[in-house]
PDB file of N, CA and C in Angstrom:
ATOM      1  N   MET A   1       2.119 -17.476 -88.118  1.00  0.00           N
ATOM      2  CA  MET A   1       1.859 -16.271 -87.321  1.00  0.00           C
ATOM      3  C   MET A   1       1.991 -15.103 -88.235  1.00  0.00           C
ATOM      4  N   ASN A   2       1.246 -14.131 -88.059  1.00  0.00           N
ATOM      5  CA  ASN A   2       1.382 -12.834 -88.758  1.00  0.00           C
ATOM      6  C   ASN A   2       2.527 -12.132 -88.180  1.00  0.00           C
ATOM      7  N   LYS A   3       3.644 -12.118 -88.883  1.00  0.00           N
ATOM      8  CA  LYS A   3       4.847 -11.543 -88.316  1.00  0.00           C
ATOM      9  C   LYS A   3       5.005 -10.055 -88.874  1.00  0.00           C
ATOM     10  N   PRO A   4       5.462  -9.188 -87.975  1.00  0.00           N
ATOM     11  CA  PRO A   4       5.745  -7.848 -88.389  1.00  0.00           C
ATOM     12  C   PRO A   4       6.888  -7.850 -89.426  1.00  0.00           C
ATOM     13  N   LEU A   5       7.015  -6.746 -90.160  1.00  0.00           N
ATOM     14  CA  LEU A   5       8.061  -6.655 -91.150  1.00  0.00           C
ATOM     15  C   LEU A   5       9.441  -7.067 -90.578  1.00  0.00           C
ATOM     16  N   ASN A   6       9.685  -6.565 -89.327  1.00  0.00           N
ATOM     17  CA  ASN A   6      11.010  -6.900 -88.733  1.00  0.00           C
ATOM     18  C   ASN A   6      10.724  -7.709 -87.499  1.00  0.00           C
ATOM     19  N   SER A   7      10.564  -9.007 -87.629  1.00  0.00           N
ATOM     20  CA  SER A   7      10.128  -9.877 -86.616  1.00  0.00           C
ATOM     21  C   SER A   7      11.147  -9.908 -85.459  1.00  0.00           C
ATOM     22  N   GLU A   8      12.477  -9.851 -85.749  1.00  0.00           N
ATOM     23  CA  GLU A   8      13.476  -9.910 -84.733  1.00  0.00           C
ATOM     24  C   GLU A   8      13.311  -8.688 -83.797  1.00  0.00           C
ATOM     25  N   ALA A   9      13.034  -7.526 -84.333  1.00  0.00           N
ATOM     26  CA  ALA A   9      12.792  -6.310 -83.495  1.00  0.00           C
ATOM     27  C   ALA A   9      11.496  -6.478 -82.680  1.00  0.00           C
ATOM     28  N   PHE A  10      10.530  -7.141 -83.254  1.00  0.00           N
ATOM     29  CA  PHE A  10       9.297  -7.435 -82.497  1.00  0.00           C
ATOM     30  C   PHE A  10       9.547  -8.308 -81.356  1.00  0.00           C
ATOM     31  N   TYR A  11      10.239  -9.453 -81.575  1.00  0.00           N
ATOM     32  CA  TYR A  11      10.539 -10.372 -80.513  1.00  0.00           C
ATOM     33  C   TYR A  11      11.495  -9.776 -79.469  1.00  0.00           C
ATOM     34  N   ASN A  12      12.450  -8.955 -79.827  1.00  0.00           N
ATOM     35  CA  ASN A  12      13.307  -8.301 -78.855  1.00  0.00           C
ATOM     36  C   ASN A  12      12.503  -7.381 -77.984  1.00  0.00           C
ATOM     37  N   ASN A  13      11.557  -6.670 -78.553  1.00  0.00           N
ATOM     38  CA  ASN A  13      10.702  -5.733 -77.784  1.00  0.00           C
ATOM     39  C   ASN A  13       9.844  -6.560 -76.844  1.00  0.00           C
ATOM     40  N   LEU A  14       9.274  -7.634 -77.328  1.00  0.00           N
ATOM     41  CA  LEU A  14       8.415  -8.535 -76.508  1.00  0.00           C
ATOM     42  C   LEU A  14       9.214  -9.042 -75.334  1.00  0.00           C
ATOM     43  N   LYS A  15      10.472  -9.552 -75.607  1.00  0.00           N
ATOM     44  CA  LYS A  15      11.270 -10.069 -74.502  1.00  0.00           C
ATOM     45  C   LYS A  15      11.590  -8.999 -73.483  1.00  0.00           C
ATOM     46  N   GLU A  16      11.871  -7.807 -73.917  1.00  0.00           N
ATOM     47  CA  GLU A  16      12.164  -6.720 -72.938  1.00  0.00           C
ATOM     48  C   GLU A  16      10.905  -6.462 -72.130  1.00  0.00           C
ATOM     49  N   LYS A  17       9.774  -6.335 -72.715  1.00  0.00           N
ATOM     50  CA  LYS A  17       8.547  -6.108 -71.960  1.00  0.00           C
ATOM     51  C   LYS A  17       8.271  -7.203 -70.928  1.00  0.00           C
ATOM     52  N   LEU A  18       8.405  -8.479 -71.371  1.00  0.00           N
ATOM     53  CA  LEU A  18       8.172  -9.559 -70.536  1.00  0.00           C
ATOM     54  C   LEU A  18       9.177  -9.563 -69.307  1.00  0.00           C
ATOM     55  N   GLN A  19      10.441  -9.243 -69.565  1.00  0.00           N
ATOM     56  CA  GLN A  19      11.435  -9.158 -68.511  1.00  0.00           C
ATOM     57  C   GLN A  19      11.034  -8.059 -67.503  1.00  0.00           C
ATOM     58  N   ASP A  20      10.496  -6.958 -67.985  1.00  0.00           N
ATOM     59  CA  ASP A  20      10.210  -5.810 -67.170  1.00  0.00           C
ATOM     60  C   ASP A  20       8.914  -5.953 -66.342  1.00  0.00           C
ATOM     61  N   THR A  21       8.022  -6.810 -66.842  1.00  0.00           N
ATOM     62  CA  THR A  21       6.651  -6.893 -66.197  1.00  0.00           C
ATOM     63  C   THR A  21       6.346  -8.145 -65.415  1.00  0.00           C
ATOM     64  N   SER A  22       7.245  -9.155 -65.433  1.00  0.00           N
ATOM     65  CA  SER A  22       6.945 -10.425 -64.817  1.00  0.00           C
ATOM     66  C   SER A  22       8.130 -10.884 -64.119  1.00  0.00           C
ATOM     67  N   VAL A  23       7.875 -11.752 -62.977  1.00  0.00           N
ATOM     68  CA  VAL A  23       8.879 -12.464 -62.337  1.00  0.00           C
ATOM     69  C   VAL A  23       8.805 -13.925 -62.778  1.00  0.00           C
ATOM     70  N   TRP A  24       9.949 -14.466 -63.241  1.00  0.00           N
ATOM     71  CA  TRP A  24       9.958 -15.791 -63.881  1.00  0.00           C
ATOM     72  C   TRP A  24      10.415 -16.813 -62.981  1.00  0.00           C
ATOM     73  N   PRO A  25       9.833 -18.081 -63.009  1.00  0.00           N
ATOM     74  CA  PRO A  25       8.857 -18.520 -63.956  1.00  0.00           C
ATOM     75  C   PRO A  25       7.514 -17.823 -63.600  1.00  0.00           C
ATOM     76  N   SER A  26       6.665 -17.764 -64.594  1.00  0.00           N
ATOM     77  CA  SER A  26       5.388 -17.000 -64.537  1.00  0.00           C
ATOM     78  C   SER A  26       4.340 -17.633 -65.406  1.00  0.00           C
ATOM     79  N   GLU A  27       3.088 -17.492 -65.016  1.00  0.00           N
ATOM     80  CA  GLU A  27       1.948 -17.925 -65.816  1.00  0.00           C
ATOM     81  C   GLU A  27       1.806 -16.973 -67.003  1.00  0.00           C
ATOM     82  N   TYR A  28       1.652 -17.539 -68.194  1.00  0.00           N
ATOM     83  CA  TYR A  28       1.540 -16.697 -69.423  1.00  0.00           C
ATOM     84  C   TYR A  28       0.317 -17.107 -70.172  1.00  0.00           C
ATOM     85  N   LEU A  29      -0.417 -16.173 -70.764  1.00  0.00           N
ATOM     86  CA  LEU A  29      -1.650 -16.433 -71.536  1.00  0.00           C
ATOM     87  C   LEU A  29      -1.294 -16.168 -72.966  1.00  0.00           C
ATOM     88  N   TYR A  30      -1.406 -17.251 -73.764  1.00  0.00           N
ATOM     89  CA  TYR A  30      -1.300 -17.124 -75.258  1.00  0.00           C
ATOM     90  C   TYR A  30      -2.710 -17.083 -75.790  1.00  0.00           C
ATOM     91  N   LYS A  31      -2.881 -16.294 -76.838  1.00  0.00           N
ATOM     92  CA  LYS A  31      -4.195 -16.250 -77.546  1.00  0.00           C
ATOM     93  C   LYS A  31      -3.915 -16.234 -79.021  1.00  0.00           C
ATOM     94  N   PHE A  32      -4.545 -17.191 -79.725  1.00  0.00           N
ATOM     95  CA  PHE A  32      -4.456 -17.330 -81.082  1.00  0.00           C
ATOM     96  C   PHE A  32      -5.800 -17.333 -81.754  1.00  0.00           C
ATOM     97  N   ILE A  33      -5.855 -16.811 -82.970  1.00  0.00           N
ATOM     98  CA  ILE A  33      -7.125 -16.908 -83.700  1.00  0.00           C
ATOM     99  C   ILE A  33      -6.810 -17.655 -85.049  1.00  0.00           C
ATOM    100  N   ILE A  34      -7.525 -18.682 -85.343  1.00  0.00           N
ATOM    101  CA  ILE A  34      -7.324 -19.394 -86.587  1.00  0.00           C
ATOM    102  C   ILE A  34      -8.616 -19.672 -87.255  1.00  0.00           C
ATOM    103  N   LYS A  35      -8.521 -19.960 -88.606  1.00  0.00           N
ATOM    104  CA  LYS A  35      -9.754 -20.439 -89.301  1.00  0.00           C
ATOM    105  C   LYS A  35     -10.130 -21.785 -88.650  1.00  0.00           C
ATOM    106  N   SER A  36     -11.417 -21.979 -88.406  1.00  0.00           N
ATOM    107  CA  SER A  36     -11.821 -23.208 -87.729  1.00  0.00           C
ATOM    108  C   SER A  36     -11.398 -24.458 -88.505  1.00  0.00           C
ATOM    109  N   ASN A  37     -10.519 -25.193 -87.956  1.00  0.00           N
ATOM    110  CA  ASN A  37      -9.969 -26.399 -88.639  1.00  0.00           C
ATOM    111  C   ASN A  37      -9.425 -27.328 -87.535  1.00  0.00           C
ATOM    112  N   PRO A  38     -10.008 -28.472 -87.343  1.00  0.00           N
ATOM    113  CA  PRO A  38      -9.598 -29.345 -86.327  1.00  0.00           C
ATOM    114  C   PRO A  38      -8.082 -29.699 -86.362  1.00  0.00           C
ATOM    115  N   VAL A  39      -7.558 -29.822 -87.528  1.00  0.00           N
ATOM    116  CA  VAL A  39      -6.129 -30.155 -87.665  1.00  0.00           C
ATOM    117  C   VAL A  39      -5.205 -28.973 -87.063  1.00  0.00           C
ATOM    118  N   LYS A  40      -5.600 -27.784 -87.368  1.00  0.00           N
ATOM    119  CA  LYS A  40      -4.846 -26.542 -86.855  1.00  0.00           C
ATOM    120  C   LYS A  40      -4.999 -26.484 -85.357  1.00  0.00           C
ATOM    121  N   ILE A  41      -6.151 -26.722 -84.820  1.00  0.00           N
ATOM    122  CA  ILE A  41      -6.428 -26.684 -83.405  1.00  0.00           C
ATOM    123  C   ILE A  41      -5.571 -27.761 -82.714  1.00  0.00           C
ATOM    124  N   ASN A  42      -5.629 -28.955 -83.279  1.00  0.00           N
ATOM    125  CA  ASN A  42      -4.798 -30.050 -82.676  1.00  0.00           C
ATOM    126  C   ASN A  42      -3.326 -29.729 -82.702  1.00  0.00           C
ATOM    127  N   THR A  43      -2.790 -29.167 -83.725  1.00  0.00           N
ATOM    128  CA  THR A  43      -1.395 -28.779 -83.879  1.00  0.00           C
ATOM    129  C   THR A  43      -1.028 -27.873 -82.768  1.00  0.00           C
ATOM    130  N   ILE A  44      -1.816 -26.841 -82.549  1.00  0.00           N
ATOM    131  CA  ILE A  44      -1.536 -25.891 -81.451  1.00  0.00           C
ATOM    132  C   ILE A  44      -1.543 -26.653 -80.111  1.00  0.00           C
ATOM    133  N   GLU A  45      -2.572 -27.462 -79.858  1.00  0.00           N
ATOM    134  CA  GLU A  45      -2.669 -28.180 -78.650  1.00  0.00           C
ATOM    135  C   GLU A  45      -1.439 -29.056 -78.444  1.00  0.00           C
ATOM    136  N   CYS A  46      -0.938 -29.729 -79.468  1.00  0.00           N
ATOM    137  CA  CYS A  46       0.188 -30.634 -79.356  1.00  0.00           C
ATOM    138  C   CYS A  46       1.515 -29.791 -79.059  1.00  0.00           C
ATOM    139  N   ILE A  47       1.621 -28.620 -79.552  1.00  0.00           N
ATOM    140  CA  ILE A  47       2.755 -27.766 -79.186  1.00  0.00           C
ATOM    141  C   ILE A  47       2.900 -27.492 -77.712  1.00  0.00           C
ATOM    142  N   PHE A  48       1.723 -27.457 -77.046  1.00  0.00           N
ATOM    143  CA  PHE A  48       1.701 -27.153 -75.596  1.00  0.00           C
ATOM    144  C   PHE A  48       1.418 -28.472 -74.712  1.00  0.00           C
ATOM    145  N   ASP A  49       1.527 -29.586 -75.424  1.00  0.00           N
ATOM    146  CA  ASP A  49       1.234 -30.872 -74.736  1.00  0.00           C
ATOM    147  C   ASP A  49       2.304 -31.142 -73.655  1.00  0.00           C
ATOM    148  N   ASN A  50       1.946 -31.763 -72.570  1.00  0.00           N
ATOM    149  CA  ASN A  50       2.839 -32.177 -71.512  1.00  0.00           C
ATOM    150  C   ASN A  50       3.469 -30.993 -70.781  1.00  0.00           C
ATOM    151  N   MET A  51       2.817 -29.811 -70.783  1.00  0.00           N
ATOM    152  CA  MET A  51       3.339 -28.640 -70.100  1.00  0.00           C
ATOM    153  C   MET A  51       2.467 -28.213 -68.989  1.00  0.00           C
ATOM    154  N   GLY A  52       1.329 -28.946 -68.777  1.00  0.00           N
ATOM    155  CA  GLY A  52       0.414 -28.528 -67.774  1.00  0.00           C
ATOM    156  C   GLY A  52      -0.459 -27.325 -68.194  1.00  0.00           C
ATOM    157  N   ALA A  53      -0.566 -27.175 -69.503  1.00  0.00           N
ATOM    158  CA  ALA A  53      -1.273 -26.036 -70.005  1.00  0.00           C
ATOM    159  C   ALA A  53      -2.786 -26.246 -69.954  1.00  0.00           C
ATOM    160  N   VAL A  54      -3.510 -25.166 -69.724  1.00  0.00           N
ATOM    161  CA  VAL A  54      -5.003 -25.197 -69.712  1.00  0.00           C
ATOM    162  C   VAL A  54      -5.360 -24.499 -71.055  1.00  0.00           C
ATOM    163  N   ILE A  55      -6.006 -25.282 -71.909  1.00  0.00           N
ATOM    164  CA  ILE A  55      -6.303 -24.860 -73.268  1.00  0.00           C
ATOM    165  C   ILE A  55      -7.813 -24.727 -73.396  1.00  0.00           C
ATOM    166  N   LYS A  56      -8.238 -23.573 -73.856  1.00  0.00           N
ATOM    167  CA  LYS A  56      -9.660 -23.267 -74.125  1.00  0.00           C
ATOM    168  C   LYS A  56      -9.906 -22.843 -75.561  1.00  0.00           C
ATOM    169  N   THR A  57     -10.891 -23.513 -76.250  1.00  0.00           N
ATOM    170  CA  THR A  57     -11.139 -23.118 -77.574  1.00  0.00           C
ATOM    171  C   THR A  57     -12.574 -22.574 -77.635  1.00  0.00           C
ATOM    172  N   ILE A  58     -12.764 -21.520 -78.398  1.00  0.00           N
ATOM    173  CA  ILE A  58     -14.103 -20.835 -78.516  1.00  0.00           C
ATOM    174  C   ILE A  58     -14.329 -20.578 -80.003  1.00  0.00           C
ATOM    175  N   PRO A  59     -15.341 -21.140 -80.627  1.00  0.00           N
ATOM    176  CA  PRO A  59     -15.617 -20.861 -82.032  1.00  0.00           C
ATOM    177  C   PRO A  59     -16.262 -19.509 -82.119  1.00  0.00           C
ATOM    178  N   SER A  60     -16.064 -18.831 -83.198  1.00  0.00           N
ATOM    179  CA  SER A  60     -16.684 -17.542 -83.436  1.00  0.00           C
ATOM    180  C   SER A  60     -18.206 -17.756 -83.666  1.00  0.00           C
ATOM    181  N   LYS A  61     -18.923 -16.637 -83.678  1.00  0.00           N
ATOM    182  CA  LYS A  61     -20.388 -16.704 -83.838  1.00  0.00           C
ATOM    183  C   LYS A  61     -20.776 -17.516 -84.980  1.00  0.00           C
ATOM    184  N   ASN A  62     -20.176 -17.380 -86.093  1.00  0.00           N
ATOM    185  CA  ASN A  62     -20.534 -18.059 -87.314  1.00  0.00           C
ATOM    186  C   ASN A  62     -19.738 -19.393 -87.536  1.00  0.00           C
ATOM    187  N   GLY A  63     -18.799 -19.607 -86.628  1.00  0.00           N
ATOM    188  CA  GLY A  63     -18.098 -20.868 -86.702  1.00  0.00           C
ATOM    189  C   GLY A  63     -16.939 -20.919 -87.692  1.00  0.00           C
ATOM    190  N   ASN A  64     -16.628 -19.697 -88.278  1.00  0.00           N
ATOM    191  CA  ASN A  64     -15.596 -19.707 -89.299  1.00  0.00           C
ATOM    192  C   ASN A  64     -14.230 -19.598 -88.668  1.00  0.00           C
ATOM    193  N   TYR A  65     -14.125 -19.047 -87.490  1.00  0.00           N
ATOM    194  CA  TYR A  65     -12.795 -18.929 -86.808  1.00  0.00           C
ATOM    195  C   TYR A  65     -12.954 -19.505 -85.376  1.00  0.00           C
ATOM    196  N   THR A  66     -11.766 -19.837 -84.848  1.00  0.00           N
ATOM    197  CA  THR A  66     -11.700 -20.335 -83.471  1.00  0.00           C
ATOM    198  C   THR A  66     -10.621 -19.587 -82.743  1.00  0.00           C
ATOM    199  N   SER A  67     -10.984 -19.187 -81.516  1.00  0.00           N
ATOM    200  CA  SER A  67     -10.065 -18.591 -80.564  1.00  0.00           C
ATOM    201  C   SER A  67      -9.417 -19.699 -79.680  1.00  0.00           C
ATOM    202  N   VAL A  68      -8.145 -19.710 -79.585  1.00  0.00           N
ATOM    203  CA  VAL A  68      -7.467 -20.702 -78.801  1.00  0.00           C
ATOM    204  C   VAL A  68      -6.676 -19.975 -77.695  1.00  0.00           C
ATOM    205  N   SER A  69      -7.137 -20.140 -76.445  1.00  0.00           N
ATOM    206  CA  SER A  69      -6.424 -19.496 -75.290  1.00  0.00           C
ATOM    207  C   SER A  69      -5.647 -20.554 -74.530  1.00  0.00           C
ATOM    208  N   ILE A  70      -4.405 -20.283 -74.209  1.00  0.00           N
ATOM    209  CA  ILE A  70      -3.630 -21.211 -73.501  1.00  0.00           C
ATOM    210  C   ILE A  70      -2.927 -20.554 -72.283  1.00  0.00           C
ATOM    211  N   ASN A  71      -3.220 -21.047 -71.106  1.00  0.00           N
ATOM    212  CA  ASN A  71      -2.577 -20.634 -69.872  1.00  0.00           C
ATOM    213  C   ASN A  71      -1.562 -21.659 -69.478  1.00  0.00           C
ATOM    214  N   VAL A  72      -0.342 -21.219 -69.336  1.00  0.00           N
ATOM    215  CA  VAL A  72       0.732 -22.138 -68.994  1.00  0.00           C
ATOM    216  C   VAL A  72       1.855 -21.452 -68.236  1.00  0.00           C
ATOM    217  N   ILE A  73       2.461 -22.163 -67.383  1.00  0.00           N
ATOM    218  CA  ILE A  73       3.720 -21.615 -66.647  1.00  0.00           C
ATOM    219  C   ILE A  73       4.870 -21.740 -67.571  1.00  0.00           C
ATOM    220  N   MET A  74       5.524 -20.566 -67.824  1.00  0.00           N
ATOM    221  CA  MET A  74       6.695 -20.548 -68.662  1.00  0.00           C
ATOM    222  C   MET A  74       7.896 -20.109 -67.762  1.00  0.00           C
ATOM    223  N   ASN A  75       9.049 -20.642 -68.118  1.00  0.00           N
ATOM    224  CA  ASN A  75      10.235 -20.447 -67.293  1.00  0.00           C
ATOM    225  C   ASN A  75      10.851 -18.998 -67.474  1.00  0.00           C
ATOM    226  N   ASN A  76      10.758 -18.490 -68.697  1.00  0.00           N
ATOM    227  CA  ASN A  76      11.423 -17.204 -68.946  1.00  0.00           C
ATOM    228  C   ASN A  76      10.934 -16.653 -70.305  1.00  0.00           C
ATOM    229  N   PRO A  77      11.162 -15.435 -70.559  1.00  0.00           N
ATOM    230  CA  PRO A  77      10.707 -14.836 -71.860  1.00  0.00           C
ATOM    231  C   PRO A  77      11.180 -15.451 -73.133  1.00  0.00           C
ATOM    232  N   ASP A  78      12.384 -16.040 -73.088  1.00  0.00           N
ATOM    233  CA  ASP A  78      12.856 -16.767 -74.303  1.00  0.00           C
ATOM    234  C   ASP A  78      12.021 -18.000 -74.596  1.00  0.00           C
ATOM    235  N   ASP A  79      11.462 -18.649 -73.567  1.00  0.00           N
ATOM    236  CA  ASP A  79      10.584 -19.819 -73.739  1.00  0.00           C
ATOM    237  C   ASP A  79       9.232 -19.329 -74.308  1.00  0.00           C
ATOM    238  N   VAL A  80       8.754 -18.233 -73.836  1.00  0.00           N
ATOM    239  CA  VAL A  80       7.526 -17.660 -74.342  1.00  0.00           C
ATOM    240  C   VAL A  80       7.641 -17.385 -75.855  1.00  0.00           C
ATOM    241  N   ILE A  81       8.656 -16.811 -76.238  1.00  0.00           N
ATOM    242  CA  ILE A  81       8.935 -16.365 -77.650  1.00  0.00           C
ATOM    243  C   ILE A  81       9.127 -17.628 -78.455  1.00  0.00           C
ATOM    244  N   GLU A  82       9.834 -18.638 -77.957  1.00  0.00           N
ATOM    245  CA  GLU A  82      10.084 -19.877 -78.678  1.00  0.00           C
ATOM    246  C   GLU A  82       8.713 -20.534 -79.096  1.00  0.00           C
ATOM    247  N   LYS A  83       7.751 -20.542 -78.150  1.00  0.00           N
ATOM    248  CA  LYS A  83       6.467 -21.126 -78.453  1.00  0.00           C
ATOM    249  C   LYS A  83       5.699 -20.344 -79.516  1.00  0.00           C
ATOM    250  N   TYR A  84       5.767 -19.000 -79.446  1.00  0.00           N
ATOM    251  CA  TYR A  84       5.204 -18.195 -80.535  1.00  0.00           C
ATOM    252  C   TYR A  84       5.754 -18.556 -81.879  1.00  0.00           C
ATOM    253  N   LYS A  85       7.012 -18.705 -81.924  1.00  0.00           N
ATOM    254  CA  LYS A  85       7.715 -19.009 -83.202  1.00  0.00           C
ATOM    255  C   LYS A  85       7.316 -20.481 -83.643  1.00  0.00           C
ATOM    256  N   GLU A  86       7.197 -21.394 -82.713  1.00  0.00           N
ATOM    257  CA  GLU A  86       6.882 -22.766 -83.045  1.00  0.00           C
ATOM    258  C   GLU A  86       5.479 -22.814 -83.619  1.00  0.00           C
ATOM    259  N   VAL A  87       4.521 -22.087 -83.033  1.00  0.00           N
ATOM    260  CA  VAL A  87       3.160 -22.063 -83.571  1.00  0.00           C
ATOM    261  C   VAL A  87       3.169 -21.452 -84.955  1.00  0.00           C
ATOM    262  N   GLY A  88       3.838 -20.336 -85.082  1.00  0.00           N
ATOM    263  CA  GLY A  88       3.926 -19.642 -86.354  1.00  0.00           C
ATOM    264  C   GLY A  88       4.540 -20.540 -87.483  1.00  0.00           C
ATOM    265  N   ASN A  89       5.520 -21.349 -87.128  1.00  0.00           N
ATOM    266  CA  ASN A  89       6.152 -22.222 -88.082  1.00  0.00           C
ATOM    267  C   ASN A  89       5.318 -23.432 -88.492  1.00  0.00           C
ATOM    268  N   GLN A  90       4.405 -23.861 -87.510  1.00  0.00           N
ATOM    269  CA  GLN A  90       3.620 -25.067 -87.804  1.00  0.00           C
ATOM    270  C   GLN A  90       2.238 -24.869 -88.151  1.00  0.00           C
ATOM    271  N   VAL A  91       1.645 -23.659 -87.920  1.00  0.00           N
ATOM    272  CA  VAL A  91       0.251 -23.427 -88.225  1.00  0.00           C
ATOM    273  C   VAL A  91       0.121 -22.268 -89.184  1.00  0.00           C
ATOM    274  N   GLU A  92      -0.407 -22.530 -90.384  1.00  0.00           N
ATOM    275  CA  GLU A  92      -0.553 -21.407 -91.383  1.00  0.00           C
ATOM    276  C   GLU A  92      -1.666 -20.533 -90.971  1.00  0.00           C
ATOM    277  N   GLU A  93      -1.574 -19.263 -91.319  1.00  0.00           N
ATOM    278  CA  GLU A  93      -2.603 -18.288 -91.174  1.00  0.00           C
ATOM    279  C   GLU A  93      -3.080 -18.146 -89.730  1.00  0.00           C
ATOM    280  N   VAL A  94      -2.194 -18.105 -88.782  1.00  0.00           N
ATOM    281  CA  VAL A  94      -2.555 -17.935 -87.396  1.00  0.00           C
ATOM    282  C   VAL A  94      -2.303 -16.545 -86.998  1.00  0.00           C
ATOM    283  N   ILE A  95      -3.191 -16.022 -86.170  1.00  0.00           N
ATOM    284  CA  ILE A  95      -3.087 -14.604 -85.701  1.00  0.00           C
ATOM    285  C   ILE A  95      -2.769 -14.730 -84.209  1.00  0.00           C
ATOM    286  N   SER A  96      -1.713 -14.162 -83.756  1.00  0.00           N
ATOM    287  CA  SER A  96      -1.324 -14.141 -82.339  1.00  0.00           C
ATOM    288  C   SER A  96      -1.735 -12.829 -81.748  1.00  0.00           C
ATOM    289  N   LEU A  97      -2.380 -12.881 -80.589  1.00  0.00           N
ATOM    290  CA  LEU A  97      -2.802 -11.715 -79.872  1.00  0.00           C
ATOM    291  C   LEU A  97      -2.001 -11.596 -78.661  1.00  0.00           C
TER     292      LEU A  97
END
């Protein structure tokens, strides 16, 4: 994941926003952009496996990149952040939106 210079501050800010804007458990939409690579796509899909997630992949116009959108019910903001960290630790050069 492309992490800001101070990722702890970023995650603390995200957690605060999620607490203020949602009632938990809540449906959450993750969006990732990666270079088109079946292994990377599969890794992301496996991270959300057995969670009832709806995963949609869309290749870019030239096929160089793939957008991965994941709709899933999450229990709380900490769980949301944990999945972002898990993807960032397991998939190189991923952009989180």
